[in-house]
Protein backbone atom coordinates (compact mmCIF):
# COMPACT_ATOMS: atom_id res chain seq x y z
CA GLN A 1 0.00 0.00 0.00
CA CYS A 2 1.61 3.25 -1.19
CA THR A 3 0.26 6.71 -0.35
CA TYR A 4 -2.83 6.44 -2.55
CA LEU A 5 -2.38 3.28 -4.58
CA GLU A 6 -1.95 -0.40 -3.83
CA ILE A 7 0.50 -2.21 -6.12
CA GLU A 8 1.87 -5.74 -6.32
CA GLN A 9 4.35 -6.69 -3.60
CA ALA A 10 7.93 -7.62 -4.47
CA GLU A 11 9.29 -11.02 -3.46
CA ARG A 12 12.05 -9.33 -1.48
CA THR A 13 12.67 -5.80 -0.27
CA HIS A 14 15.78 -4.13 1.11
CA ALA A 15 16.22 -2.37 4.44
CA VAL A 16 15.85 1.40 4.01
CA VAL A 17 16.33 4.59 6.00
CA LEU A 18 14.02 7.40 4.88
CA SER A 19 13.48 11.13 5.31
CA ARG A 20 9.83 11.70 4.50
CA PRO A 21 6.76 13.87 5.10
CA ALA A 22 5.04 12.06 7.97
CA TRP A 23 1.60 11.89 6.34
CA LEU A 24 2.59 9.84 3.28
CA TRP A 25 4.08 6.42 2.58
CA GLY A 26 7.00 7.41 0.36
CA ALA A 27 10.04 9.59 1.00
CA GLU A 28 11.78 12.68 -0.33
CA MET A 29 15.18 11.03 0.09
CA GLY A 30 16.77 7.99 1.61
CA ALA A 31 19.20 5.09 1.31
CA ASN A 32 19.13 1.33 1.45
CA GLU A 33 21.36 -1.37 2.90
CA HIS A 34 23.24 -1.76 -0.41
CA GLY A 35 24.45 1.86 -0.47
CA VAL A 36 21.84 3.07 -2.97
CA CYS A 37 20.65 6.65 -2.42
CA VAL A 38 17.69 8.36 -4.08
CA GLY A 39 16.29 11.89 -3.75
CA ASN A 40 13.62 13.75 -5.71
CA GLU A 41 12.32 17.22 -6.53
CA GLY A 42 9.11 18.49 -8.10
CA VAL A 43 8.92 19.80 -11.66
CA TRP A 44 6.21 21.10 -14.00
CA THR A 45 6.28 20.12 -17.69
CA ARG A 46 4.22 20.24 -20.87
CA GLU A 47 2.57 16.97 -19.93
CA PRO A 48 -0.71 17.53 -18.02
CA LEU A 49 -0.66 17.09 -14.28
CA GLY A 50 -2.49 14.06 -12.96
CA GLU A 51 -4.82 15.11 -10.14
CA ASP A 52 -6.25 11.58 -10.08
CA GLU A 53 -4.56 9.58 -7.37
CA ALA A 54 -1.68 7.44 -8.65
CA LEU A 55 1.91 7.02 -7.47
CA LEU A 56 3.61 10.05 -5.98
CA GLY A 57 7.20 10.76 -6.91
CA MET A 58 7.97 10.21 -3.24
CA ASP A 59 6.40 6.74 -3.45
CA LEU A 60 8.75 6.03 -6.36
CA VAL A 61 11.76 7.09 -4.25
CA ARG A 62 10.89 4.52 -1.61
CA LEU A 63 9.97 1.81 -4.11
CA GLY A 64 13.29 2.29 -5.92
CA LEU A 65 15.18 1.96 -2.64
CA GLU A 66 13.21 -1.04 -1.41
CA ARG A 67 13.51 -2.95 -4.70
CA GLY A 68 16.84 -1.85 -6.22
CA SER A 69 20.21 -3.20 -5.13
CA SER A 70 22.04 -0.66 -7.32
CA ALA A 71 21.32 2.83 -8.63
CA ARG A 72 20.64 1.38 -12.08
CA GLU A 73 18.22 -1.21 -10.66
CA ALA A 74 16.43 1.47 -8.65
CA LEU A 75 16.07 3.55 -11.81
CA GLU A 76 14.65 0.55 -13.69
CA VAL A 77 12.16 -0.07 -10.87
CA ILE A 78 11.02 3.54 -10.88
CA VAL A 79 10.50 3.88 -14.63
CA ALA A 80 8.71 0.52 -14.90
CA LEU A 81 6.25 1.51 -12.17
CA LEU A 82 5.90 5.03 -13.60
CA GLU A 83 4.96 3.67 -17.03
CA ARG A 84 2.52 1.17 -15.54
CA TYR A 85 0.76 3.27 -12.89
CA GLY A 86 1.56 6.88 -13.77
CA GLN A 87 2.18 9.68 -11.27
CA GLY A 88 -0.49 11.87 -9.72
CA GLY A 89 -2.34 13.01 -6.65
CA SER A 90 -1.70 15.82 -4.20
CA CYS A 91 1.82 16.06 -2.79
CA LYS A 92 0.86 18.30 0.11
CA GLU A 93 -1.19 17.76 3.25
CA GLU A 94 -3.79 20.39 2.39
CA PRO A 95 -7.36 20.33 0.97
CA VAL A 96 -6.28 22.25 -2.16
CA PRO A 97 -4.32 19.81 -4.40
CA PHE A 98 -0.65 20.51 -5.03
CA VAL A 99 0.50 18.35 -7.93
CA TYR A 100 3.79 18.04 -9.82
CA HIS A 101 5.94 15.67 -11.84
CA ASN A 102 9.33 14.56 -10.55
CA THR A 103 13.06 14.54 -11.11
CA PHE A 104 15.39 12.17 -9.26
CA LEU A 105 19.04 11.72 -8.35
CA LEU A 106 20.23 8.15 -7.83
CA ALA A 107 23.68 7.05 -6.67
CA ASP A 108 25.52 4.01 -5.36
CA ARG A 109 29.16 3.12 -4.77
CA ALA A 110 29.85 2.72 -8.49
CA GLU A 111 27.68 5.11 -10.50
CA ALA A 112 25.12 7.90 -10.42
CA TRP A 113 22.11 8.94 -12.51
CA VAL A 114 19.69 11.80 -13.06
CA LEU A 115 16.15 10.71 -13.97
CA GLU A 116 13.57 13.26 -15.10
CA THR A 117 9.91 12.68 -15.84
CA ALA A 118 6.96 14.27 -17.63
CA GLY A 119 3.80 12.33 -16.92
CA ARG A 120 4.59 8.70 -17.80
CA TYR A 121 7.48 9.77 -20.06
CA TRP A 122 11.07 9.99 -18.86
CA ALA A 123 14.72 10.48 -19.75
CA ALA A 124 17.80 9.43 -17.78
CA GLN A 125 21.42 10.56 -17.84
CA ARG A 126 24.34 8.73 -16.32
CA ILE A 127 26.71 11.12 -14.59
CA ARG A 128 30.29 10.73 -15.75
CA GLY A 129 32.85 10.89 -12.97
CA GLU A 130 30.37 10.08 -10.19
CA ARG A 131 32.08 12.29 -7.69
CA ALA A 132 29.26 14.22 -6.14
CA LEU A 133 25.61 15.09 -6.49
CA VAL A 134 23.40 17.52 -4.67
CA VAL A 135 19.70 18.27 -4.58
CA PRO A 136 19.55 21.93 -3.52
CA GLY A 137 17.76 22.06 -0.22
CA GLY A 138 17.78 18.37 0.32
CA TRP A 139 20.28 15.68 -0.43
CA GLY A 140 23.89 15.04 -1.38
CA ALA A 141 25.84 11.86 -2.08
CA LEU A 142 29.58 11.40 -2.39
CA SER A 143 31.72 8.66 -3.90
CA PRO A 144 35.36 8.50 -5.05
CA PRO A 145 35.99 9.68 -8.62
CA SER A 146 35.96 7.35 -11.56
CA LEU A 147 39.20 7.41 -13.51
CA THR A 148 37.63 5.91 -16.63
CA HIS A 149 35.24 8.74 -17.48
CA THR A 150 35.73 12.38 -18.37
CA PRO A 151 33.48 14.95 -16.68
CA PRO A 152 30.42 16.22 -18.53
CA PRO A 153 30.69 19.71 -20.01
CA ALA A 154 29.54 22.73 -18.01
CA PHE A 155 29.69 20.94 -14.65
CA ALA A 156 32.32 20.65 -11.98
CA GLU A 157 34.18 17.35 -12.29
CA GLY A 158 31.74 14.52 -11.74
CA SER A 159 29.15 16.74 -10.07
CA ARG A 160 25.51 17.36 -10.85
CA ASN A 161 22.59 19.22 -9.30
CA ILE A 162 18.84 19.51 -9.91
CA SER A 163 16.40 22.18 -8.82
CA ASN A 164 12.70 22.10 -9.81
CA GLN A 165 13.28 22.12 -13.57
CA LEU A 166 14.18 19.77 -16.38
CA SER A 167 17.95 19.70 -16.84
CA ILE A 168 18.68 16.72 -19.12
CA GLY A 169 19.46 18.09 -22.56
CA ARG A 170 20.94 16.06 -25.40
CA GLU A 171 23.09 13.79 -23.20
CA ILE A 172 20.40 11.13 -22.78
CA THR A 173 21.60 7.68 -21.70
CA ALA A 174 18.17 6.00 -21.62
CA GLU A 175 14.60 7.10 -22.36
CA HIS A 176 10.96 6.05 -22.62
CA ALA A 177 10.43 4.07 -25.83
CA GLY A 178 7.77 6.49 -27.04
CA LEU A 179 9.36 9.73 -25.83
CA ARG A 180 10.27 11.23 -29.20
CA GLN A 181 7.11 10.02 -30.89
CA ARG A 182 5.12 11.73 -28.14
CA ALA A 183 7.01 14.97 -28.71
CA CYS A 184 6.36 14.82 -32.46
CA SER A 185 2.66 13.99 -32.07
CA GLN A 186 2.16 17.02 -29.79
CA GLY A 187 4.02 19.37 -32.13
CA TRP A 188 6.76 20.02 -29.59
CA TRP A 189 9.53 18.65 -31.83
CA ASN A 190 9.71 18.26 -35.60
CA GLY A 191 12.06 15.28 -35.56
CA ASP A 192 14.99 17.15 -37.09
CA GLY A 193 18.34 17.63 -35.40
CA GLU A 194 19.38 16.62 -31.91
CA PHE A 195 16.70 15.96 -29.32
CA SER A 196 16.89 17.85 -26.01
CA PHE A 197 14.53 16.54 -23.34
CA ALA A 198 14.64 19.79 -21.35
CA GLU A 199 14.01 22.00 -24.37
CA VAL A 200 11.18 19.88 -25.76
CA PHE A 201 9.25 19.05 -22.57
CA SER A 202 9.73 22.22 -20.51
CA LEU A 203 6.82 24.63 -20.27
CA THR A 204 7.00 27.68 -22.51
CA HIS A 205 5.66 29.86 -19.70
CA GLN A 206 6.84 28.45 -16.41
CA PRO A 207 5.28 28.99 -12.96
CA ALA A 208 6.92 31.63 -10.80
CA ARG A 209 8.39 28.95 -8.51
CA MET A 210 10.20 27.40 -11.50
CA GLU A 211 11.57 30.75 -12.62
CA ALA A 212 12.96 31.28 -9.10
CA ALA A 213 14.44 27.78 -9.21
CA LYS A 214 16.63 28.72 -12.18
CA ALA A 215 18.73 31.02 -10.01
CA ARG A 216 19.00 28.32 -7.34
CA TYR A 217 20.05 25.77 -9.96
CA ARG A 218 22.77 28.08 -11.32
CA ALA A 219 23.98 28.87 -7.80
CA GLY A 220 24.19 25.18 -6.90
CA LYS A 221 26.16 24.45 -10.04
CA GLU A 222 28.55 27.28 -9.30
CA LEU A 223 29.09 26.18 -5.70
CA LEU A 224 29.95 22.69 -6.93
CA ARG A 225 32.34 24.17 -9.50
CA GLN A 226 34.11 26.21 -6.82
CA HIS A 227 34.81 23.05 -4.83
CA ALA A 228 35.69 20.82 -7.79
CA GLY A 229 38.37 18.30 -6.93
CA HIS A 230 38.03 18.64 -3.15
CA ILE A 231 34.38 17.94 -2.35
CA THR A 232 33.78 16.38 1.06
CA ALA A 233 30.75 15.64 3.22
CA GLU A 234 31.42 18.96 4.94
CA THR A 235 31.29 20.68 1.54
CA PHE A 236 27.82 19.31 0.92
CA MET A 237 26.63 20.35 4.34
CA ALA A 238 27.85 23.89 3.71
CA ILE A 239 26.12 23.99 0.31
CA LEU A 240 22.85 22.71 1.76
CA ARG A 241 23.07 25.45 4.41
CA ASP A 242 23.63 28.25 1.89
CA LYS A 243 20.78 30.75 2.20
CA ALA A 244 22.14 33.42 -0.14
CA SER A 245 21.70 31.04 -3.08
CA GLY A 246 18.21 29.98 -2.01
CA ILE A 247 19.37 26.38 -1.61
CA CYS A 248 18.56 26.53 2.10
CA VAL A 249 14.98 27.81 1.93
CA ASP A 250 13.63 29.93 4.77
CA SER A 251 11.21 32.40 3.22
CA GLU A 252 7.74 32.86 1.72
CA GLY A 253 6.21 30.31 4.05
CA PHE A 254 8.64 27.56 3.03
CA ARG A 255 11.49 26.06 5.01
CA THR A 256 13.84 23.26 4.00
CA ALA A 257 12.18 20.38 5.84
CA GLY A 258 15.07 17.92 6.14
CA SER A 259 18.55 17.33 4.73
CA MET A 260 20.77 14.32 4.03
CA VAL A 261 24.37 13.80 2.94
CA SER A 262 25.75 10.35 2.09
CA VAL A 263 29.33 9.10 1.72
CA LEU A 264 29.53 6.02 -0.51
CA PRO A 265 33.05 4.52 -0.57
CA ARG A 266 34.05 2.48 -3.60
CA ASP A 267 35.80 0.05 -1.27
CA PRO A 268 33.09 -2.50 -0.35
CA THR A 269 34.85 -3.26 2.94
CA LEU A 270 34.06 0.26 4.16
CA PRO A 271 30.53 1.19 5.28
CA CYS A 272 28.36 3.79 3.59
CA VAL A 273 27.61 6.64 5.99
CA HIS A 274 24.39 8.64 5.74
CA PHE A 275 24.04 11.92 7.64
CA PHE A 276 20.48 13.11 8.43
CA THR A 277 19.25 16.26 10.16
CA ALA A 278 15.72 14.89 10.83
CA THR A 279 14.83 18.55 11.51
CA PRO A 280 14.15 21.60 9.30
CA ASP A 281 16.59 24.34 8.29
CA PRO A 282 20.01 22.67 7.96
CA SER A 283 21.73 25.97 8.80
CA ARG A 284 20.45 25.46 12.35
CA SER A 285 20.40 21.66 12.48
CA VAL A 286 22.81 18.82 13.22
CA PHE A 287 23.81 16.25 10.59
CA LYS A 288 23.85 12.92 12.46
CA PRO A 289 25.56 9.78 11.06
CA PHE A 290 23.66 6.55 10.31
CA VAL A 291 25.25 3.26 9.22
CA PHE A 292 23.45 0.05 8.22
CA VAL A 293 24.55 -2.76 10.57
CA ALA A 294 22.84 -5.71 12.20
CA GLY A 295 20.95 -5.00 15.41
CA LEU A 296 20.29 -1.32 14.75
CA LYS A 297 18.90 0.47 17.77
CA PRO A 298 15.57 2.15 16.88
CA ALA A 299 15.34 5.92 17.26
CA PRO A 300 11.72 6.61 18.25
CA GLN A 301 12.64 10.26 18.89
CA VAL A 302 12.55 10.85 15.10
CA ARG A 303 9.47 8.78 14.26
CA SER A 304 6.28 10.77 13.84
CA PRO A 305 3.14 9.64 15.66
CA THR A 306 0.42 7.63 13.91
CA PHE A 307 -3.32 8.27 14.11
CA ARG A 308 -6.28 5.90 14.02
CA ASP A 309 -8.44 8.37 12.04
CA ASP A 310 -5.70 9.87 9.92
CA PRO A 311 -7.10 12.70 7.73
CA ALA A 312 -4.60 11.74 5.01
CA LYS A 313 -6.19 8.29 4.73
CA LYS A 314 -9.88 9.32 4.83
CA VAL A 315 -11.72 10.38 1.65
CA PRO A 316 -12.19 13.27 1.13
CA ARG A 317 -8.65 13.77 2.37
CA PHE A 318 -7.06 16.49 4.48
CA GLN A 319 -10.31 17.82 5.95
CA SER A 320 -8.67 18.24 9.36
CA THR A 321 -5.15 18.57 10.74
CA VAL A 322 -3.13 16.61 13.27
CA ASP A 323 0.21 17.32 14.96
CA ARG A 324 2.72 15.00 13.29
CA ARG A 325 5.88 16.44 14.88
CA HIS A 326 8.20 13.88 16.42
CA GLU A 327 9.99 14.53 19.71
CA LEU A 328 13.25 15.80 18.23
CA TYR A 329 11.31 18.09 15.88
CA ARG A 330 9.38 19.61 18.81
CA ARG A 331 12.51 20.31 20.82
CA HIS A 332 14.38 21.62 17.80
CA GLN A 333 11.50 23.97 16.98
CA ALA A 334 11.61 25.36 20.51
CA ALA A 335 15.37 25.86 20.11
CA LEU A 336 14.84 27.77 16.85
CA GLU A 337 12.45 30.13 18.66
CA LEU A 338 15.13 30.66 21.31
CA MET A 339 17.76 31.43 18.65
CA GLU A 340 15.47 34.06 17.14
CA LYS A 341 14.49 35.70 20.47
CA ASP A 342 17.87 35.64 22.25
CA GLN A 343 20.68 35.91 19.71
CA GLU A 344 23.49 35.54 22.24
CA ARG A 345 22.11 32.32 23.75
CA GLY A 346 21.12 31.19 20.28
CA GLN A 347 24.68 31.55 18.96
CA LYS A 348 26.06 29.62 21.91
CA LEU A 349 23.57 26.80 21.30
CA LEU A 350 24.36 26.78 17.58
CA GLN A 351 28.08 26.51 18.30
CA THR A 352 27.41 23.63 20.69
CA LEU A 353 25.43 21.86 17.96
CA ARG A 354 28.23 22.43 15.45
CA ASP A 355 30.72 20.91 17.91
CA LEU A 356 28.47 17.87 18.25
CA GLU A 357 28.27 17.52 14.48
CA LYS A 358 32.05 17.90 14.17
CA GLN A 359 32.58 15.01 16.59
CA GLY A 360 30.39 12.78 14.43
CA LEU A 361 32.17 13.83 11.25
CA GLU A 362 35.61 13.27 12.73
CA GLY A 363 34.61 9.81 13.93
CA MET A 364 33.20 8.83 10.54
CA ASN A 365 36.19 10.26 8.68
CA ALA A 366 38.52 8.19 10.85
CA LEU A 367 36.41 5.10 10.17
CA LEU A 368 36.40 5.66 6.40
CA ALA A 369 40.13 6.40 6.37
CA GLY A 370 40.81 3.07 8.07
CA MET A 371 42.25 4.78 11.15
CA VAL A 372 39.82 2.96 13.44
CA ALA A 373 38.26 -0.46 13.08
CA PRO A 374 34.46 -0.54 12.75
CA ARG A 375 32.73 -1.85 15.87
CA PRO A 376 29.25 -3.07 14.86
CA GLU A 377 27.81 -2.73 18.35
CA GLU A 378 28.80 0.95 18.46
CA LEU A 379 27.58 1.62 14.92
CA ALA A 380 24.24 0.02 15.81
CA ASP A 381 23.72 2.65 18.53
CA LEU A 382 25.34 5.53 16.64
CA PHE A 383 22.33 7.39 15.26
CA PHE A 384 20.28 6.89 18.45
CA ASP A 385 23.14 8.20 20.59
CA CYS A 386 23.60 11.27 18.38
CA VAL A 387 19.89 12.08 18.53
CA GLU A 388 19.90 11.68 22.32
CA ALA A 389 22.95 13.93 22.64
CA GLU A 390 21.31 16.62 20.50
CA MET A 391 18.07 16.48 22.49
CA LYS A 392 19.93 17.03 25.77
CA PHE A 393 21.15 20.40 24.49
CA TYR A 394 17.53 21.45 23.88
CA THR A 395 16.37 20.84 27.46
């Protein structure tokens, strides 16, 4: 059972860790036990929006992670389900529908992809170099550079970003079988010359939010270019916290809801490390490390409550509201109010949080550098312990 639709179950699914809006089944970003990471963003295209309930892009993120043991497999899962079931339904917990199509970033230890959709149609691009990817406002993944590929033009070496617009041009690695025929039949492309997915399927007159996203997209690309050749997890965290570029959103009623950075070593003997804030506004949040190991200690402090009569599950939907905030979210929100009311105390608290984050980063860097041996029992408690430590600073 996905958010709105029930689909056939897979014979086997993988363990996943997800950052998701609490009211729905899917996720905005996450990782699985095989080191596959997926994140998505909304986009508006020439294809009509499907207000009828189908799969959400966020459902497809989770389905790709649960059913794909590599980035390529996750991509294949997503496009197969997209073609079969379509995408549609409201993506926001409000009575007035908010509907969009989706773009995705997918990465594993070996390769990375951008997947962009328009209705049931799609195009995918493999990223050459596979060094780093970032979804402005949301997610980043990092893996060692490939020596067998040259970087794509106009991007920092092996880096790629997306931001609420189609960005795959002529460098298409895979596509929907009927993509170009669809473009011709609608009069969007005459069949001559090279085919650019972004040029053909983008709206002629774009919504204001997409126009604003162009500046954010350019800023993200430039920040990646500035750090080309020396991108680290800390680099991603700084980019995701950048408010001047609009990547860290904190205006017009919107706030970056959660952020994630993943380090995916090529060496299979080293663990993948996924850093989550589990709280909004990364500029005032702590990135906490998570590692898949046996016997993981649950972290109920970051699980939202469930409701017997959930307004998201009753038709008509979203006719009432419930408080879905988890415990860490509540305490973090109170801390944000303190930071805004008492700047001196707020700065001291923020510095304390940064010191906590630095400890986690230093520990994970030592682990990935082989300076310390992994201890499964400690890794199993790692995320829980970091959440507990953060919460103590909020009391």
